[in-house]
Amino acid sequence: RLLLLARGGGAAAEGRGRPAPGLVPAPPSPFCLLQRRLLQQTPPPATPPAVGRWLLACSGAVAGAVVLGGITRLTESGLSMVDWHLVKEMKPPRTQQEWEAEFQKYQQFPEFKILNHDMTLTEFKFIWYMEYSHRMWGRVVGLAYILPAAYFWRKGWLSRPMKGCVLTLCGLVCFQGLLGWYMVKSGLEEKPDSYDVPRVSQYRLAAHLGSALVLYSASLWTGLSLLLPRHKLSETHQLLRLRKFAHGTTALIFLTALSGAFVAGLDAGLVYNSFPKMGERWIPDDLLAFSPMLRNIFENPTTVQFDHRILGIASVTAVTALYLFSRKIPLPHRTRMAVTSLLAVAFVQVGLGISTLLLYVPTPLAATHQSGSLALLSMALWLMSELRRVPK
């Protein structure tokens, strides 16, 4: 009603024409001032739900790339493609001559000379297709981010903060592809002084996995933030503690998943295949065998497995404590489901990890364990989304 009156007053003023020369114009009416204030306080248009669903779909695509990359690593297929071309390598070999030429390329690098010198062409095709599928999936992920982002941008569906977020995600996708080739390149280098099995650098593998986890977490978090309405929870002291506890637990889960990259990179899961002790001891003798001491954390397979065990136990302990603490606080049904799901997935993940260790890292079980880390991280991010503050 006030806006209609203000518009009517403004039209009447225009109908009277300009003020006579020498007269001071009348100040704006209170209705005009109220109209301006209401227009200035109008909130920006909400982001359409389609953007949130797109980001959730992108996070699922990234999860698929992580799982496929883990299987590629477990089957020792990552070094089968010795070249990297953004477009040229999208066409696989078709004729027998093309396959033999590709196989001859592979034979010039350390993995064939040291580890697979008796490999047949049929066996080579299997590991080649594993790496090829991983690279092609990565390109699909890139298109899944970039093409819809351009469409939503053109339609004007992205707010200014969301534009910055989308640009960051698309940039991270491109960086992830370059980092993947940088990682593979480390396993193709000749190392005359080394008698170890050719493998990629565990540092670059951890960086590649870490950037994928950041991309996955950011996409999932943003998608959930757009689609799930915030609960209007009372900002009590217990709720603040629960929120901080959830953030810390999520960071611990992320760190545990990242430490798994060092386990995979060094084949540390094959060192001590017993639990809870490592061999006959709680703390193995070769825990600090390398010098200087800091090298053990990232280069000693025994230490890497020991650290992963400790982080895994700490994660499931933190999740259990978080669940017990949440029982003392009245929470909405959806938030309670997130806490319970987090606890259930944490215990399943621990069971998968112990089984993988005791059975000497079978590929299907190890791949399931790696997928479980993503599921656990997803539950933690869901809980964090449920506990968000309501903006004032």
Protein backbone atom coordinates (compact mmCIF):
# COMPACT_ATOMS: atom_id res chain seq x y z
CA ARG A 1 0.00 0.00 0.00
CA LEU A 2 2.81 2.40 0.90
CA LEU A 3 4.57 1.69 -2.38
CA LEU A 4 1.36 2.43 -4.37
CA LEU A 5 0.82 5.71 -2.52
CA ALA A 6 4.42 6.70 -3.12
CA ARG A 7 4.14 5.95 -6.81
CA GLY A 8 0.92 7.99 -7.00
CA GLY A 9 2.53 10.95 -5.25
CA GLY A 10 5.46 10.81 -7.64
CA ALA A 11 3.16 10.74 -10.70
CA ALA A 12 1.14 13.69 -9.38
CA ALA A 13 4.30 15.67 -8.85
CA GLU A 14 5.38 14.98 -12.42
CA GLY A 15 1.91 16.10 -13.68
CA ARG A 16 2.26 19.49 -12.06
CA GLY A 17 5.37 20.19 -14.15
CA ARG A 18 8.54 22.01 -13.15
CA PRO A 19 8.61 24.50 -10.26
CA ALA A 20 8.49 28.18 -11.14
CA PRO A 21 11.81 29.97 -11.51
CA GLY A 22 13.20 31.27 -8.25
CA LEU A 23 11.24 28.84 -6.11
CA VAL A 24 13.04 26.18 -4.04
CA PRO A 25 11.90 22.63 -4.97
CA ALA A 26 9.96 20.86 -2.25
CA PRO A 27 11.82 18.09 -0.42
CA PRO A 28 10.91 14.50 -1.29
CA SER A 29 7.81 13.23 0.45
CA PRO A 30 8.13 10.65 3.26
CA PHE A 31 6.50 8.10 0.96
CA CYS A 32 9.25 8.56 -1.65
CA LEU A 33 11.93 8.17 1.01
CA LEU A 34 10.23 5.00 2.27
CA GLN A 35 10.04 3.64 -1.26
CA ARG A 36 13.76 4.20 -1.83
CA ARG A 37 14.63 2.54 1.47
CA LEU A 38 12.50 -0.50 0.70
CA LEU A 39 14.05 -0.87 -2.74
CA GLN A 40 17.57 -0.60 -1.30
CA GLN A 41 16.82 -3.33 1.26
CA THR A 42 15.36 -5.76 -1.28
CA PRO A 43 17.45 -8.97 -1.08
CA PRO A 44 19.19 -10.23 -4.22
CA PRO A 45 17.38 -12.94 -6.16
CA ALA A 46 17.95 -16.46 -4.84
CA THR A 47 20.13 -18.87 -6.80
CA PRO A 48 17.92 -21.39 -8.66
CA PRO A 49 17.90 -24.96 -7.28
CA ALA A 50 19.25 -26.16 -10.62
CA VAL A 51 22.65 -24.71 -9.71
CA GLY A 52 22.72 -26.67 -6.47
CA ARG A 53 21.74 -29.90 -8.22
CA TRP A 54 24.44 -29.28 -10.83
CA LEU A 55 27.10 -28.93 -8.12
CA LEU A 56 25.94 -32.12 -6.41
CA ALA A 57 26.17 -33.94 -9.74
CA CYS A 58 29.69 -32.53 -10.23
CA SER A 59 30.74 -33.75 -6.79
CA GLY A 60 29.47 -37.21 -7.74
CA ALA A 61 31.53 -37.09 -10.93
CA VAL A 62 34.63 -36.15 -8.92
CA ALA A 63 33.94 -39.03 -6.54
CA GLY A 64 33.84 -41.39 -9.51
CA ALA A 65 37.18 -40.04 -10.72
CA VAL A 66 38.74 -40.60 -7.28
CA VAL A 67 37.46 -44.18 -7.09
CA LEU A 68 38.59 -44.94 -10.65
CA GLY A 69 41.98 -43.40 -9.91
CA GLY A 70 42.33 -45.63 -6.86
CA ILE A 71 41.58 -48.73 -8.92
CA THR A 72 44.09 -47.58 -11.53
CA ARG A 73 46.71 -47.29 -8.81
CA LEU A 74 45.83 -50.68 -7.28
CA THR A 75 46.11 -52.42 -10.66
CA GLU A 76 49.42 -50.61 -11.34
CA SER A 77 48.04 -49.17 -14.55
CA GLY A 78 48.89 -45.51 -14.09
CA LEU A 79 52.17 -45.55 -16.02
CA SER A 80 50.88 -47.36 -19.11
CA MET A 81 50.20 -44.14 -21.07
CA VAL A 82 53.54 -42.37 -21.44
CA ASP A 83 52.27 -39.31 -23.33
CA TRP A 84 49.84 -36.56 -22.41
CA HIS A 85 47.81 -34.72 -25.05
CA LEU A 86 44.57 -32.97 -24.23
CA VAL A 87 42.80 -33.95 -27.48
CA LYS A 88 45.08 -36.29 -29.41
CA GLU A 89 45.05 -39.08 -26.81
CA MET A 90 41.25 -39.22 -26.76
CA LYS A 91 41.41 -41.56 -29.76
CA PRO A 92 42.61 -45.02 -28.61
CA PRO A 93 44.66 -47.35 -30.84
CA ARG A 94 42.51 -49.42 -33.20
CA THR A 95 44.73 -51.46 -35.49
CA GLN A 96 47.30 -54.03 -34.49
CA GLN A 97 50.04 -51.75 -35.81
CA GLU A 98 48.89 -48.86 -33.62
CA TRP A 99 48.79 -51.09 -30.54
CA GLU A 100 52.30 -52.38 -31.20
CA ALA A 101 53.56 -48.80 -31.59
CA GLU A 102 51.97 -47.85 -28.26
CA PHE A 103 53.45 -50.92 -26.59
CA GLN A 104 56.91 -50.05 -27.93
CA LYS A 105 56.61 -46.60 -26.33
CA TYR A 106 55.83 -48.23 -22.99
CA GLN A 107 58.82 -50.59 -23.32
CA GLN A 108 61.22 -47.63 -23.26
CA PHE A 109 60.34 -46.68 -19.67
CA PRO A 110 61.45 -48.08 -16.29
CA GLU A 111 58.23 -49.89 -15.33
CA PHE A 112 58.50 -52.27 -18.29
CA LYS A 113 62.27 -52.72 -17.99
CA ILE A 114 62.26 -53.50 -14.26
CA LEU A 115 58.79 -54.81 -13.40
CA ASN A 116 56.90 -55.89 -16.54
CA HIS A 117 59.64 -57.05 -18.90
CA ASP A 118 57.71 -60.25 -19.68
CA MET A 119 54.34 -58.52 -20.27
CA THR A 120 52.36 -59.50 -23.34
CA LEU A 121 50.44 -57.15 -25.61
CA THR A 122 47.11 -58.43 -24.24
CA GLU A 123 48.18 -57.66 -20.67
CA PHE A 124 49.35 -54.24 -21.77
CA LYS A 125 45.97 -53.49 -23.31
CA PHE A 126 44.29 -54.05 -19.92
CA ILE A 127 46.44 -51.59 -17.98
CA TRP A 128 46.34 -49.12 -20.88
CA TYR A 129 42.55 -49.09 -20.94
CA MET A 130 42.45 -48.63 -17.17
CA GLU A 131 44.55 -45.47 -17.39
CA TYR A 132 42.69 -44.35 -20.52
CA SER A 133 39.32 -44.62 -18.76
CA HIS A 134 40.64 -42.60 -15.83
CA ARG A 135 41.91 -39.83 -18.11
CA MET A 136 38.72 -39.74 -20.16
CA TRP A 137 36.63 -39.59 -17.00
CA GLY A 138 38.71 -36.61 -15.93
CA ARG A 139 37.85 -34.84 -19.18
CA VAL A 140 34.16 -35.58 -18.62
CA VAL A 141 34.45 -34.04 -15.17
CA GLY A 142 36.01 -30.91 -16.67
CA LEU A 143 33.20 -30.53 -19.19
CA ALA A 144 30.61 -31.18 -16.48
CA TYR A 145 31.93 -28.12 -14.64
CA ILE A 146 32.77 -25.73 -17.45
CA LEU A 147 29.83 -26.09 -19.87
CA PRO A 148 26.96 -25.74 -17.34
CA ALA A 149 28.87 -22.94 -15.60
CA ALA A 150 28.97 -20.98 -18.85
CA TYR A 151 25.24 -21.63 -19.40
CA PHE A 152 24.24 -20.51 -15.89
CA TRP A 153 26.47 -17.46 -16.17
CA ARG A 154 24.86 -16.47 -19.47
CA LYS A 155 21.36 -16.95 -18.05
CA GLY A 156 22.18 -14.66 -15.11
CA TRP A 157 21.47 -17.35 -12.51
CA LEU A 158 24.72 -16.83 -10.61
CA SER A 159 25.05 -14.17 -7.93
CA ARG A 160 28.31 -12.29 -7.58
CA PRO A 161 29.70 -14.52 -4.78
CA MET A 162 28.56 -17.61 -6.67
CA LYS A 163 30.42 -16.44 -9.79
CA GLY A 164 33.64 -16.32 -7.78
CA CYS A 165 32.94 -19.78 -6.38
CA VAL A 166 32.22 -21.26 -9.82
CA LEU A 167 35.36 -19.71 -11.32
CA THR A 168 37.41 -21.20 -8.49
CA LEU A 169 35.92 -24.67 -9.02
CA CYS A 170 36.53 -24.56 -12.78
CA GLY A 171 40.10 -23.40 -12.23
CA LEU A 172 40.66 -26.21 -9.74
CA VAL A 173 39.41 -28.75 -12.28
CA CYS A 174 41.97 -27.56 -14.85
CA PHE A 175 44.72 -27.55 -12.22
CA GLN A 176 43.75 -31.11 -11.25
CA GLY A 177 44.35 -32.36 -14.77
CA LEU A 178 47.79 -30.76 -14.98
CA LEU A 179 48.68 -32.10 -11.54
CA GLY A 180 47.70 -35.59 -12.65
CA TRP A 181 50.18 -35.52 -15.53
CA TYR A 182 52.85 -34.04 -13.25
CA MET A 183 52.30 -37.01 -10.96
CA VAL A 184 52.51 -39.60 -13.76
CA LYS A 185 55.68 -37.97 -15.09
CA SER A 186 57.47 -38.74 -11.82
CA GLY A 187 57.02 -42.47 -12.42
CA LEU A 188 58.42 -42.31 -15.95
CA GLU A 189 61.78 -40.83 -14.96
CA GLU A 190 64.93 -42.95 -15.07
CA LYS A 191 66.54 -43.42 -11.63
CA PRO A 192 69.91 -45.13 -12.15
CA ASP A 193 70.78 -45.22 -8.44
CA SER A 194 67.47 -46.76 -7.38
CA TYR A 195 66.57 -50.47 -7.35
CA ASP A 196 63.03 -49.90 -6.14
CA VAL A 197 59.91 -50.74 -8.12
CA PRO A 198 59.06 -47.81 -10.44
CA ARG A 199 56.18 -45.80 -9.01
CA VAL A 200 54.91 -42.25 -8.94
CA SER A 201 56.09 -39.89 -6.23
CA GLN A 202 53.98 -40.30 -3.09
CA TYR A 203 54.18 -36.53 -2.59
CA ARG A 204 52.66 -35.84 -6.01
CA LEU A 205 50.10 -38.59 -5.50
CA ALA A 206 49.04 -37.00 -2.20
CA ALA A 207 48.85 -33.58 -3.87
CA HIS A 208 46.71 -35.02 -6.70
CA LEU A 209 44.35 -36.75 -4.26
CA GLY A 210 44.28 -33.75 -1.94
CA SER A 211 43.24 -31.35 -4.69
CA ALA A 212 40.53 -33.82 -5.78
CA LEU A 213 39.22 -34.00 -2.21
CA VAL A 214 39.18 -30.19 -1.98
CA LEU A 215 37.26 -29.99 -5.28
CA TYR A 216 34.83 -32.66 -4.11
CA SER A 217 34.29 -31.07 -0.70
CA ALA A 218 33.80 -27.56 -2.09
CA SER A 219 31.29 -28.76 -4.69
CA LEU A 220 29.34 -30.88 -2.22
CA TRP A 221 29.30 -28.17 0.44
CA THR A 222 28.12 -25.48 -1.98
CA GLY A 223 25.45 -27.74 -3.44
CA LEU A 224 24.11 -28.67 -0.02
CA SER A 225 24.16 -25.03 1.06
CA LEU A 226 21.99 -24.08 -1.92
CA LEU A 227 19.50 -26.93 -1.62
CA LEU A 228 19.10 -27.60 2.11
CA PRO A 229 17.29 -24.90 4.12
CA ARG A 230 19.08 -23.84 7.28
CA HIS A 231 17.66 -24.88 10.63
CA LYS A 232 16.80 -22.06 13.01
CA LEU A 233 18.71 -23.50 15.95
CA SER A 234 19.12 -21.62 19.21
CA GLU A 235 22.73 -20.45 19.49
CA THR A 236 23.40 -22.12 22.84
CA HIS A 237 26.82 -22.83 24.30
CA GLN A 238 26.37 -26.56 23.66
CA LEU A 239 25.46 -26.00 20.02
CA LEU A 240 28.55 -23.84 19.50
CA ARG A 241 30.70 -26.61 20.98
CA LEU A 242 29.02 -29.22 18.79
CA ARG A 243 29.61 -27.10 15.69
CA LYS A 244 33.32 -26.67 16.51
CA PHE A 245 33.57 -30.39 17.29
CA ALA A 246 32.02 -31.24 13.90
CA HIS A 247 34.46 -28.95 12.09
CA GLY A 248 37.46 -30.50 13.85
CA THR A 249 36.23 -34.04 13.18
CA THR A 250 35.77 -33.24 9.48
CA ALA A 251 39.33 -31.90 9.28
CA LEU A 252 40.61 -35.09 10.95
CA ILE A 253 38.70 -37.27 8.47
CA PHE A 254 40.14 -35.25 5.58
CA LEU A 255 43.68 -35.68 6.95
CA THR A 256 43.16 -39.43 7.38
CA ALA A 257 41.98 -39.77 3.78
CA LEU A 258 44.98 -37.77 2.58
CA SER A 259 47.37 -40.01 4.54
CA GLY A 260 45.96 -42.93 2.57
CA ALA A 261 47.68 -41.49 -0.51
CA PHE A 262 51.07 -42.04 1.13
CA VAL A 263 50.03 -45.61 2.03
CA ALA A 264 49.08 -46.26 -1.59
CA GLY A 265 52.11 -44.48 -3.01
CA LEU A 266 54.58 -46.55 -0.96
CA ASP A 267 52.57 -49.82 -0.96
CA ALA A 268 52.69 -49.50 2.81
CA GLY A 269 49.63 -51.71 3.22
CA LEU A 270 51.85 -54.73 2.46
CA VAL A 271 54.36 -54.10 5.25
CA TYR A 272 52.61 -55.26 8.45
CA ASN A 273 49.45 -57.27 7.79
CA SER A 274 48.29 -57.74 11.36
CA PHE A 275 46.03 -55.84 13.73
CA PRO A 276 46.00 -54.31 16.30
CA LYS A 277 49.73 -54.99 16.69
CA MET A 278 52.23 -54.46 13.92
CA GLY A 279 53.87 -57.87 13.84
CA GLU A 280 54.65 -58.82 17.43
CA ARG A 281 54.90 -55.25 18.71
CA TRP A 282 52.64 -52.27 19.30
CA ILE A 283 55.41 -49.99 18.04
CA PRO A 284 57.63 -51.63 15.38
CA ASP A 285 61.41 -51.45 15.58
CA ASP A 286 61.85 -49.83 12.16
CA LEU A 287 59.44 -46.97 12.87
CA LEU A 288 62.28 -44.42 12.76
CA ALA A 289 64.76 -46.27 10.55
CA PHE A 290 65.36 -43.39 8.13
CA SER A 291 67.59 -40.42 8.74
CA PRO A 292 66.90 -37.57 9.18
CA MET A 293 63.92 -38.40 11.37
CA LEU A 294 61.35 -36.31 9.45
CA ARG A 295 61.82 -38.50 6.35
CA ASN A 296 60.11 -41.36 8.14
CA ILE A 297 56.76 -39.56 8.19
CA PHE A 298 56.47 -39.48 4.40
CA GLU A 299 58.99 -42.02 3.06
CA ASN A 300 59.18 -44.93 5.53
CA PRO A 301 56.41 -47.45 4.69
CA THR A 302 56.25 -48.65 8.30
CA THR A 303 55.81 -45.14 9.66
CA VAL A 304 53.29 -44.24 6.96
CA GLN A 305 51.14 -47.26 7.82
CA PHE A 306 51.50 -46.56 11.56
CA ASP A 307 50.40 -42.95 11.08
CA HIS A 308 47.41 -44.02 8.97
CA ARG A 309 46.36 -46.45 11.71
CA ILE A 310 46.60 -43.78 14.39
CA LEU A 311 44.66 -41.25 12.29
CA GLY A 312 41.97 -43.83 11.51
CA ILE A 313 41.55 -44.75 15.18
CA ALA A 314 41.50 -41.07 16.13
CA SER A 315 38.83 -40.37 13.49
CA VAL A 316 36.45 -43.10 14.61
CA THR A 317 37.00 -42.08 18.25
CA ALA A 318 36.20 -38.45 17.44
CA VAL A 319 33.06 -39.47 15.50
CA THR A 320 31.88 -41.62 18.41
CA ALA A 321 32.47 -38.81 20.91
CA LEU A 322 30.66 -36.39 18.57
CA TYR A 323 27.67 -38.72 18.41
CA LEU A 324 27.50 -39.15 22.18
CA PHE A 325 27.78 -35.40 22.75
CA SER A 326 25.03 -34.71 20.20
CA ARG A 327 22.64 -36.92 22.15
CA LYS A 328 22.58 -34.28 24.90
CA ILE A 329 21.35 -31.55 22.55
CA PRO A 330 17.86 -31.27 21.00
CA LEU A 331 18.44 -31.41 17.25
CA PRO A 332 16.10 -31.53 14.23
CA HIS A 333 15.35 -34.91 12.70
CA ARG A 334 17.49 -34.30 9.61
CA THR A 335 20.49 -33.26 11.70
CA ARG A 336 20.06 -36.31 13.92
CA MET A 337 20.09 -38.49 10.78
CA ALA A 338 23.36 -36.89 9.67
CA VAL A 339 25.04 -37.63 13.02
CA THR A 340 23.83 -41.24 13.04
CA SER A 341 24.89 -41.79 9.42
CA LEU A 342 28.34 -40.40 10.18
CA LEU A 343 28.77 -42.87 13.05
CA ALA A 344 27.58 -45.85 10.98
CA VAL A 345 29.85 -45.06 8.02
CA ALA A 346 32.82 -44.52 10.36
CA PHE A 347 32.56 -48.03 11.82
CA VAL A 348 32.04 -49.59 8.38
CA GLN A 349 35.13 -47.76 7.14
CA VAL A 350 37.24 -49.03 10.04
CA GLY A 351 36.05 -52.57 9.34
CA LEU A 352 36.97 -52.22 5.67
CA GLY A 353 40.41 -50.88 6.55
CA ILE A 354 41.23 -53.71 8.95
CA SER A 355 39.94 -56.33 6.52
CA THR A 356 42.00 -54.84 3.68
CA LEU A 357 45.11 -55.03 5.85
CA LEU A 358 44.59 -58.58 7.11
CA LEU A 359 43.82 -59.94 3.63
CA TYR A 360 46.96 -58.41 2.05
CA VAL A 361 45.20 -55.62 0.14
CA PRO A 362 42.94 -57.36 -2.40
CA THR A 363 41.98 -54.92 -5.13
CA PRO A 364 38.15 -55.04 -4.73
CA LEU A 365 38.32 -54.60 -0.95
CA ALA A 366 40.99 -51.89 -1.12
CA ALA A 367 38.94 -49.98 -3.71
CA THR A 368 35.89 -50.23 -1.45
CA HIS A 369 37.93 -48.90 1.46
CA GLN A 370 39.06 -45.93 -0.63
CA SER A 371 35.45 -45.27 -1.61
CA GLY A 372 34.49 -45.45 2.06
CA SER A 373 36.77 -42.53 2.83
CA LEU A 374 34.74 -40.39 0.42
CA ALA A 375 31.49 -41.60 1.97
CA LEU A 376 32.75 -40.73 5.45
CA LEU A 377 33.89 -37.28 4.34
CA SER A 378 30.49 -36.75 2.70
CA MET A 379 28.63 -37.55 5.92
CA ALA A 380 30.84 -35.13 7.84
CA LEU A 381 30.18 -32.36 5.32
CA TRP A 382 26.46 -33.06 5.49
CA LEU A 383 26.54 -32.67 9.26
CA MET A 384 28.47 -29.42 8.98
CA SER A 385 25.85 -28.15 6.54
CA GLU A 386 23.07 -29.04 8.98
CA LEU A 387 24.77 -27.11 11.77
CA ARG A 388 25.28 -23.88 9.80
CA ARG A 389 24.42 -20.59 11.43
CA VAL A 390 21.31 -18.76 10.28
CA PRO A 391 22.40 -15.34 8.88
CA LYS A 392 21.07 -12.35 10.81
